[in-house]
Amino acid sequence: MGWLRAGGMGVFFLVWGGQWLSWLGSGLSSFALGIWMYERTGSPTQFALTVLAITLPRMLLAPVAGPLVDRWDRRLVMLASDSGAALVTLVLALLLWAEQLAVWHIYLGMLLSAACGTFQRPAYAASVTLLVPTAQYGRANGLINFARSSADLAAPLLAGYLTLWLGLAPLLLLDVATFLVAAATLLLVRFPPTPPAPTTAGQPSLLREARDGWRYLRQRPGLFGLLLYTGAANFLGITTEVLLTPYLLAFSSADVVGWVASLSGAGLLAGGLLLSVWGGPAQRVRGVFGFELLVCCCMLVIGLTSSPWLIGAAVFVYFVAIGLSDGCATVLWQTQVAPDFQGRVFALRDMVGFAALPLGLLLSAPLAEFVFEPLLQPGGAWAGSLGQLIGTGPGRGIGLLFVLAGLFNLLVIGLAWRNPCIRYIDE
């Protein structure tokens, strides 16, 4: 068969289309499996543990995944990752069909699928620099963000309808079919070869290559500072994002939570679409921090008001800004990291980003429930001081957490911007 070779945006669009369809299928099955699990256990804790099952492999395997992505053909890494995830989903579908599916099967399946994704994410991000001209990095990353956010937005809506119409087992098989389409697009193309990594004395080892990736970052203060800032911003963001639903439920209804959640998905979608058309600012670092300033403002608005309309508008702008900031940051990584180190560096970046998720989950909920909420109840210790600004009553403690996260994010942005290695990283 003939191979389609990279030379413009055509190959990228073909791969992008296959990956978008695969993400949509994964979103359908993940949502439906989560509902199946909750209906049988009735346990929010077991439901929340699925987040941990997805996060842990991405943290623990990242040091291994990065060196392997740099060693191997990135197209084959993506192909193997998609095939592995398809096999896991197929096994779950067969177990369900045989009426043998148990909750622990779902946990194990999510662990294995997340392990496949740990290789797929850095391989895909590093492939952009092989498939796309440098001037198109911004648009390419905007399209990737658009694909992810549109899949996240459409999957819950489609999953509810398709589960009723088809049932869960056929829905899982539909996910397998989307993986096969993604694999077929990768079989039709060939990526340009990755420049070979510099040789080191002795036999190459994964540990040494992972250490080389870390050393590569430490020797570049701008990139290392950007990595630390990204970790801090992700932590502050997830600390508040996970509390948005209980915050809204404290003074509004479930239908309000639903349309605000839709606005968050629409914001990510709009941000990805805008970046894909615009390409982003010429000075990417200004885009990263400029849009993060907008994120901070939205955090403050969300925390200071109890108006669902204002919160909904702030949530939409928040996620538009997140999409644009992340897109600009990704272009910085792609342009500033040598191609032969991109797998290792991007895996380390993902590891730091995913580490923020469990830390935020473990800290934010207890802090809001057991500290800030009691302090800002009528008659609470802070009711006569901060309560005059934030307000008192249900949800105001979570509102204070939003405000504090926004202020701390402003502080982190200021400290990062004062570092000339970060400020002039474009140069």
Protein backbone atom coordinates (compact mmCIF):
# COMPACT_ATOMS: atom_id res chain seq x y z
CA MET A 1 0.00 0.00 0.00
CA GLY A 2 1.10 3.59 -0.55
CA TRP A 3 2.20 5.76 2.34
CA LEU A 4 1.10 9.35 2.85
CA ARG A 5 4.11 11.37 3.90
CA ALA A 6 4.24 14.55 5.98
CA GLY A 7 4.93 17.67 4.01
CA GLY A 8 2.17 20.07 4.99
CA MET A 9 -1.01 20.02 7.06
CA GLY A 10 -2.68 17.16 5.16
CA VAL A 11 -1.17 14.29 7.16
CA PHE A 12 -1.78 16.16 10.40
CA PHE A 13 -5.46 16.61 9.55
CA LEU A 14 -5.82 12.89 8.81
CA VAL A 15 -4.19 11.87 12.11
CA TRP A 16 -6.09 14.60 13.98
CA GLY A 17 -9.43 13.34 12.65
CA GLY A 18 -8.73 9.77 13.74
CA GLN A 19 -7.63 10.85 17.21
CA TRP A 20 -10.68 13.10 17.63
CA LEU A 21 -12.99 10.18 16.82
CA SER A 22 -11.07 7.97 19.26
CA TRP A 23 -11.38 10.58 22.05
CA LEU A 24 -15.11 10.83 21.40
CA GLY A 25 -15.50 7.05 21.65
CA SER A 26 -13.44 6.94 24.86
CA GLY A 27 -15.58 9.70 26.34
CA LEU A 28 -18.76 7.75 25.53
CA SER A 29 -17.55 4.56 27.19
CA SER A 30 -15.99 6.31 30.22
CA PHE A 31 -19.20 8.22 30.95
CA ALA A 32 -21.40 5.15 30.50
CA LEU A 33 -19.14 2.93 32.64
CA GLY A 34 -19.12 5.56 35.40
CA ILE A 35 -22.92 5.64 35.44
CA TRP A 36 -23.04 1.80 35.42
CA MET A 37 -20.67 1.70 38.39
CA TYR A 38 -22.53 4.33 40.41
CA GLU A 39 -25.91 2.67 39.81
CA ARG A 40 -24.59 -0.61 41.21
CA THR A 41 -22.52 0.69 44.14
CA GLY A 42 -24.30 3.93 45.09
CA SER A 43 -20.92 5.07 46.41
CA PRO A 44 -19.55 8.51 45.49
CA THR A 45 -16.19 7.42 46.92
CA GLN A 46 -15.91 4.46 44.56
CA PHE A 47 -16.95 6.73 41.71
CA ALA A 48 -14.27 9.27 42.68
CA LEU A 49 -11.63 6.53 42.84
CA THR A 50 -11.91 6.22 39.07
CA VAL A 51 -10.12 9.59 38.89
CA LEU A 52 -7.26 8.07 40.88
CA ALA A 53 -7.23 5.00 38.63
CA ILE A 54 -6.78 7.28 35.61
CA THR A 55 -4.21 9.56 37.25
CA LEU A 56 -1.79 7.14 38.92
CA PRO A 57 -0.46 5.42 35.78
CA ARG A 58 0.14 8.78 34.13
CA MET A 59 2.23 9.89 37.09
CA LEU A 60 4.15 6.65 37.70
CA LEU A 61 4.82 5.64 34.09
CA ALA A 62 5.77 9.06 32.73
CA PRO A 63 9.53 8.66 33.49
CA VAL A 64 9.50 5.43 31.46
CA ALA A 65 7.14 6.57 28.71
CA GLY A 66 9.18 9.63 27.76
CA PRO A 67 12.46 7.86 26.92
CA LEU A 68 10.60 5.16 24.99
CA VAL A 69 8.73 7.77 22.93
CA ASP A 70 12.09 9.32 22.03
CA ARG A 71 13.57 5.91 21.14
CA TRP A 72 10.72 4.60 19.02
CA ASP A 73 8.79 5.72 15.96
CA ARG A 74 6.13 8.03 17.38
CA ARG A 75 3.56 6.85 14.88
CA LEU A 76 4.04 3.27 16.09
CA VAL A 77 3.80 4.38 19.72
CA MET A 78 0.44 6.03 19.01
CA LEU A 79 -0.69 2.98 17.04
CA ALA A 80 0.25 0.61 19.87
CA SER A 81 -1.41 2.85 22.48
CA ASP A 82 -4.67 3.04 20.51
CA SER A 83 -4.62 -0.72 19.91
CA GLY A 84 -3.98 -1.47 23.59
CA ALA A 85 -6.85 0.77 24.73
CA ALA A 86 -9.14 -0.85 22.14
CA LEU A 87 -8.26 -4.33 23.46
CA VAL A 88 -9.05 -3.27 27.05
CA THR A 89 -12.44 -1.88 26.00
CA LEU A 90 -13.21 -5.02 23.99
CA VAL A 91 -12.52 -7.22 27.03
CA LEU A 92 -14.85 -5.09 29.18
CA ALA A 93 -17.58 -5.35 26.53
CA LEU A 94 -17.23 -9.14 26.38
CA LEU A 95 -17.37 -9.41 30.19
CA LEU A 96 -20.52 -7.28 30.21
CA TRP A 97 -22.09 -9.37 27.47
CA ALA A 98 -21.37 -12.52 29.49
CA GLU A 99 -22.83 -10.80 32.60
CA GLN A 100 -19.50 -11.21 34.39
CA LEU A 101 -18.47 -7.55 34.61
CA ALA A 102 -17.52 -6.43 38.14
CA VAL A 103 -16.45 -3.08 39.55
CA TRP A 104 -12.85 -4.20 39.92
CA HIS A 105 -12.78 -5.01 36.20
CA ILE A 106 -13.59 -1.36 35.50
CA TYR A 107 -10.84 -0.11 37.81
CA LEU A 108 -8.32 -2.44 36.16
CA GLY A 109 -9.53 -1.43 32.70
CA MET A 110 -9.15 2.27 33.52
CA LEU A 111 -5.65 1.66 34.89
CA LEU A 112 -4.59 -0.14 31.70
CA SER A 113 -6.24 2.42 29.40
CA ALA A 114 -4.57 5.25 31.30
CA ALA A 115 -1.23 3.44 30.96
CA CYS A 116 -1.73 3.38 27.18
CA GLY A 117 -2.62 7.07 27.26
CA THR A 118 0.61 7.81 29.14
CA PHE A 119 2.51 6.83 26.00
CA GLN A 120 0.00 8.29 23.55
CA ARG A 121 -0.09 11.86 24.91
CA PRO A 122 3.64 12.73 24.67
CA ALA A 123 3.96 10.85 21.37
CA TYR A 124 1.09 12.88 19.87
CA ALA A 125 2.40 16.20 21.24
CA ALA A 126 5.91 15.47 19.97
CA SER A 127 4.55 14.38 16.57
CA VAL A 128 3.17 17.85 15.88
CA THR A 129 6.71 19.16 15.38
CA LEU A 130 7.32 16.40 12.81
CA LEU A 131 4.09 16.87 10.86
CA VAL A 132 3.45 20.61 10.90
CA PRO A 133 5.52 23.64 9.79
CA THR A 134 6.72 25.76 12.72
CA ALA A 135 4.47 28.66 11.75
CA GLN A 136 1.42 26.39 12.12
CA TYR A 137 2.17 25.05 15.63
CA GLY A 138 -0.38 27.37 17.23
CA ARG A 139 -3.18 26.36 14.86
CA ALA A 140 -2.33 22.67 15.19
CA ASN A 141 -2.46 22.81 18.99
CA GLY A 142 -5.67 24.81 18.82
CA LEU A 143 -7.20 22.04 16.70
CA ILE A 144 -6.03 19.41 19.20
CA ASN A 145 -7.57 21.36 22.10
CA PHE A 146 -10.73 21.82 20.03
CA ALA A 147 -10.92 18.07 19.40
CA ARG A 148 -10.48 17.20 23.08
CA SER A 149 -12.98 19.76 24.33
CA SER A 150 -15.59 18.99 21.68
CA ALA A 151 -15.31 15.28 22.53
CA ASP A 152 -15.65 16.08 26.24
CA LEU A 153 -18.69 18.25 25.55
CA ALA A 154 -20.46 15.84 23.19
CA ALA A 155 -19.67 12.54 24.90
CA PRO A 156 -21.99 12.86 27.96
CA LEU A 157 -24.89 14.02 25.80
CA LEU A 158 -24.45 11.22 23.27
CA ALA A 159 -23.67 8.57 25.88
CA GLY A 160 -26.98 9.03 27.69
CA TYR A 161 -28.96 8.69 24.47
CA LEU A 162 -26.91 5.84 22.98
CA THR A 163 -26.95 3.82 26.23
CA LEU A 164 -30.75 3.88 26.22
CA TRP A 165 -30.92 3.09 22.51
CA LEU A 166 -28.11 0.54 22.14
CA GLY A 167 -27.20 -0.60 25.65
CA LEU A 168 -23.80 -0.45 27.34
CA ALA A 169 -22.12 -3.40 25.62
CA PRO A 170 -22.79 -2.14 22.05
CA LEU A 171 -21.63 1.31 23.17
CA LEU A 172 -18.31 -0.18 24.29
CA LEU A 173 -18.00 -1.92 20.92
CA LEU A 174 -18.63 1.43 19.25
CA ASP A 175 -15.66 2.78 21.22
CA VAL A 176 -13.56 -0.13 19.94
CA ALA A 177 -14.59 0.81 16.38
CA THR A 178 -13.41 4.41 16.90
CA PHE A 179 -10.03 3.09 18.09
CA LEU A 180 -9.79 1.02 14.92
CA VAL A 181 -10.49 4.08 12.77
CA ALA A 182 -7.74 5.99 14.60
CA ALA A 183 -5.37 3.07 14.07
CA ALA A 184 -6.27 2.94 10.37
CA THR A 185 -5.36 6.61 9.89
CA LEU A 186 -1.97 5.95 11.48
CA LEU A 187 -1.40 2.97 9.17
CA LEU A 188 -1.99 5.23 6.15
CA VAL A 189 0.74 7.71 7.03
CA ARG A 190 4.44 7.78 7.78
CA PHE A 191 6.03 10.33 10.09
CA PRO A 192 9.42 11.90 9.34
CA PRO A 193 12.16 10.21 11.40
CA THR A 194 12.98 11.70 14.79
CA PRO A 195 16.56 13.02 15.00
CA PRO A 196 18.64 10.48 16.94
CA ALA A 197 19.35 11.33 20.57
CA PRO A 198 22.96 12.07 21.50
CA THR A 199 24.81 8.90 22.42
CA THR A 200 26.06 8.39 25.96
CA ALA A 201 28.76 6.13 27.29
CA GLY A 202 27.73 2.57 28.01
CA GLN A 203 24.51 0.84 27.15
CA PRO A 204 21.45 3.09 27.01
CA SER A 205 18.96 2.58 29.85
CA LEU A 206 15.52 3.97 30.52
CA LEU A 207 16.67 5.32 33.88
CA ARG A 208 19.61 7.16 32.31
CA GLU A 209 17.44 8.55 29.51
CA ALA A 210 14.76 9.69 31.96
CA ARG A 211 17.50 11.36 34.00
CA ASP A 212 18.78 13.00 30.81
CA GLY A 213 15.31 14.47 30.23
CA TRP A 214 15.27 15.92 33.75
CA ARG A 215 18.83 17.24 33.30
CA TYR A 216 17.79 18.81 29.98
CA LEU A 217 15.12 20.81 31.81
CA ARG A 218 17.38 21.74 34.74
CA GLN A 219 19.97 23.13 32.33
CA ARG A 220 17.34 25.45 30.80
CA PRO A 221 16.08 27.75 33.55
CA GLY A 222 13.30 29.18 31.39
CA LEU A 223 11.76 25.79 30.62
CA PHE A 224 12.26 24.55 34.18
CA GLY A 225 10.61 27.68 35.57
CA LEU A 226 7.71 27.25 33.13
CA LEU A 227 7.34 23.63 34.33
CA LEU A 228 7.16 24.74 37.97
CA TYR A 229 4.68 27.48 37.13
CA THR A 230 2.50 25.02 35.19
CA GLY A 231 2.41 22.67 38.18
CA ALA A 232 1.44 25.47 40.55
CA ALA A 233 -1.25 26.84 38.20
CA ASN A 234 -2.70 23.36 37.63
CA PHE A 235 -2.85 22.76 41.37
CA LEU A 236 -4.65 26.03 42.05
CA GLY A 237 -7.00 25.45 39.13
CA ILE A 238 -8.01 21.89 40.05
CA THR A 239 -8.43 22.91 43.70
CA THR A 240 -11.33 25.11 42.68
CA GLU A 241 -12.69 23.29 39.62
CA VAL A 242 -13.55 20.18 41.66
CA LEU A 243 -15.63 22.34 44.04
CA LEU A 244 -17.66 24.16 41.41
CA THR A 245 -20.58 21.71 41.59
CA PRO A 246 -20.99 21.72 45.41
CA TYR A 247 -20.50 25.50 45.35
CA LEU A 248 -23.40 25.99 42.94
CA LEU A 249 -25.61 23.47 44.72
CA ALA A 250 -25.21 25.44 47.96
CA PHE A 251 -27.43 28.26 46.60
CA SER A 252 -28.94 27.00 43.31
CA SER A 253 -30.46 23.90 41.73
CA ALA A 254 -29.22 20.91 39.76
CA ASP A 255 -30.37 22.38 36.43
CA VAL A 256 -28.12 25.40 37.06
CA VAL A 257 -25.19 23.04 37.64
CA GLY A 258 -26.00 21.37 34.33
CA TRP A 259 -25.95 24.49 32.19
CA VAL A 260 -22.87 25.87 33.94
CA ALA A 261 -21.10 22.56 33.21
CA SER A 262 -22.14 22.94 29.58
CA LEU A 263 -20.65 26.45 29.56
CA SER A 264 -17.33 25.08 30.80
CA GLY A 265 -17.20 22.64 27.89
CA ALA A 266 -18.30 25.35 25.48
CA GLY A 267 -15.52 27.60 26.78
CA LEU A 268 -12.83 25.01 26.10
CA LEU A 269 -14.35 24.43 22.68
CA ALA A 270 -14.35 28.15 21.88
CA GLY A 271 -10.77 28.54 23.11
CA GLY A 272 -9.51 25.70 20.93
CA LEU A 273 -11.44 26.97 17.92
CA LEU A 274 -10.15 30.53 18.39
CA LEU A 275 -6.56 29.35 18.66
CA SER A 276 -6.90 27.11 15.60
CA VAL A 277 -8.08 30.09 13.53
CA TRP A 278 -5.87 32.78 15.06
CA GLY A 279 -2.70 30.81 15.80
CA GLY A 280 -1.99 32.74 19.01
CA PRO A 281 0.19 35.77 19.75
CA ALA A 282 3.68 36.05 18.32
CA GLN A 283 5.13 36.22 21.85
CA ARG A 284 3.81 32.94 23.24
CA VAL A 285 4.95 33.62 26.79
CA ARG A 286 2.83 36.77 26.87
CA GLY A 287 -0.12 34.67 25.78
CA VAL A 288 0.50 32.14 28.56
CA PHE A 289 0.58 34.72 31.35
CA GLY A 290 -1.88 37.16 29.81
CA PHE A 291 -4.60 34.54 29.56
CA GLU A 292 -3.72 33.25 33.03
CA LEU A 293 -4.37 36.74 34.38
CA LEU A 294 -7.84 36.46 32.88
CA VAL A 295 -8.21 33.08 34.63
CA CYS A 296 -7.37 34.75 37.96
CA CYS A 297 -10.00 37.45 37.40
CA CYS A 298 -12.61 34.78 36.69
CA MET A 299 -11.69 32.95 39.92
CA LEU A 300 -12.27 36.16 41.89
CA VAL A 301 -15.62 36.81 40.21
CA ILE A 302 -16.81 33.24 40.86
CA GLY A 303 -15.84 33.44 44.52
CA LEU A 304 -17.29 36.87 45.23
CA THR A 305 -20.76 36.41 43.75
CA SER A 306 -23.78 34.18 44.29
CA SER A 307 -25.39 35.07 40.97
CA PRO A 308 -25.63 31.97 38.73
CA TRP A 309 -25.58 34.22 35.65
CA LEU A 310 -22.33 35.92 36.66
CA ILE A 311 -20.78 32.62 37.68
CA GLY A 312 -21.82 31.04 34.37
CA ALA A 313 -20.27 33.91 32.38
CA ALA A 314 -17.07 33.75 34.45
CA VAL A 315 -16.85 29.97 34.02
CA PHE A 316 -17.17 30.32 30.24
CA VAL A 317 -14.44 32.97 30.04
CA TYR A 318 -12.30 30.97 32.50
CA PHE A 319 -12.25 27.92 30.24
CA VAL A 320 -11.73 29.97 27.07
CA ALA A 321 -8.66 31.50 28.74
CA ILE A 322 -7.45 28.07 29.96
CA GLY A 323 -7.64 26.71 26.42
CA LEU A 324 -5.72 29.66 24.97
CA SER A 325 -3.08 29.67 27.72
CA ASP A 326 -2.49 25.92 27.43
CA GLY A 327 -2.23 26.19 23.65
CA CYS A 328 0.38 28.95 23.86
CA ALA A 329 2.33 26.97 26.46
CA THR A 330 2.32 23.85 24.27
CA VAL A 331 3.75 25.81 21.35
CA LEU A 332 6.51 27.11 23.63
CA TRP A 333 7.43 23.56 24.61
CA GLN A 334 7.38 22.39 21.01
CA THR A 335 9.59 25.22 19.77
CA GLN A 336 12.05 25.32 22.70
CA VAL A 337 12.65 21.57 23.21
CA ALA A 338 14.86 19.69 20.78
CA PRO A 339 12.92 17.00 18.83
CA ASP A 340 15.05 14.15 20.21
CA PHE A 341 14.15 15.17 23.79
CA GLN A 342 10.49 15.98 23.30
CA GLY A 343 9.12 12.61 24.39
CA ARG A 344 10.98 12.72 27.70
CA VAL A 345 10.28 16.38 28.40
CA PHE A 346 6.60 16.21 27.44
CA ALA A 347 6.14 13.11 29.63
CA LEU A 348 7.69 14.97 32.58
CA ARG A 349 5.39 17.92 31.89
CA ASP A 350 2.36 15.60 31.89
CA MET A 351 3.55 13.97 35.12
CA VAL A 352 3.76 17.33 36.90
CA GLY A 353 0.35 18.35 35.54
CA PHE A 354 -1.37 15.12 36.56
CA ALA A 355 0.27 15.19 40.01
CA ALA A 356 -1.73 18.35 40.71
CA LEU A 357 -5.01 16.45 40.36
CA PRO A 358 -4.87 14.12 43.40
CA LEU A 359 -3.19 16.82 45.50
CA GLY A 360 -5.96 19.26 44.67
CA LEU A 361 -8.66 16.67 45.34
CA LEU A 362 -7.15 15.72 48.71
CA LEU A 363 -6.70 19.30 49.88
CA SER A 364 -9.61 21.33 48.56
CA ALA A 365 -12.66 19.39 49.75
CA PRO A 366 -11.57 18.95 53.42
CA LEU A 367 -10.32 22.54 53.56
CA ALA A 368 -13.63 23.90 52.30
CA GLU A 369 -15.88 21.55 54.29
CA PHE A 370 -14.13 21.54 57.67
CA VAL A 371 -12.36 24.92 57.79
CA PHE A 372 -13.74 27.69 55.59
CA GLU A 373 -17.43 26.73 55.58
CA PRO A 374 -17.77 26.68 59.42
CA LEU A 375 -15.81 29.92 59.73
CA LEU A 376 -18.17 31.75 57.35
CA GLN A 377 -21.48 30.50 58.70
CA PRO A 378 -23.67 33.09 60.48
CA GLY A 379 -22.04 33.49 63.89
CA GLY A 380 -18.81 31.91 62.67
CA ALA A 381 -15.39 33.21 63.68
CA TRP A 382 -14.91 35.12 60.39
CA ALA A 383 -18.52 36.21 59.88
CA GLY A 384 -17.86 39.72 61.18
CA SER A 385 -14.62 40.24 59.22
CA LEU A 386 -14.21 38.40 55.93
CA GLY A 387 -17.90 37.61 55.99
CA GLN A 388 -18.61 41.28 55.34
CA LEU A 389 -16.81 40.95 51.99
CA ILE A 390 -17.45 37.33 51.01
CA GLY A 391 -20.84 36.92 52.68
CA THR A 392 -21.98 34.24 55.10
CA GLY A 393 -24.03 31.09 54.75
CA PRO A 394 -23.84 27.88 52.70
CA GLY A 395 -21.20 27.95 49.98
CA ARG A 396 -19.39 31.06 51.14
CA GLY A 397 -16.44 29.04 52.45
CA ILE A 398 -15.98 27.52 49.00
CA GLY A 399 -16.31 31.03 47.54
CA LEU A 400 -13.43 32.13 49.79
CA LEU A 401 -11.35 29.24 48.47
CA PHE A 402 -11.96 30.50 44.90
CA VAL A 403 -10.85 33.99 45.91
CA LEU A 404 -7.71 32.71 47.67
CA ALA A 405 -6.83 30.50 44.69
CA GLY A 406 -7.18 33.48 42.36
CA LEU A 407 -4.99 35.68 44.58
CA PHE A 408 -2.32 32.99 44.95
CA ASN A 409 -2.35 32.48 41.19
CA LEU A 410 -1.77 36.21 40.72
CA LEU A 411 1.18 35.94 43.09
CA VAL A 412 2.63 32.95 41.22
CA ILE A 413 2.23 34.78 37.88
CA GLY A 414 4.05 37.82 39.32
CA LEU A 415 6.93 35.70 40.61
CA ALA A 416 7.25 33.84 37.31
CA TRP A 417 7.15 37.05 35.27
CA ARG A 418 9.94 38.57 37.37
CA ASN A 419 12.20 35.74 36.25
CA PRO A 420 13.90 36.96 33.04
CA CYS A 421 14.62 33.38 31.94
CA ILE A 422 10.87 32.77 31.74
CA ARG A 423 9.91 36.23 30.50
CA TYR A 424 12.27 36.06 27.53
CA ILE A 425 11.89 32.34 26.81
CA ASP A 426 10.57 33.10 23.30
CA GLU A 427 13.95 34.58 22.46
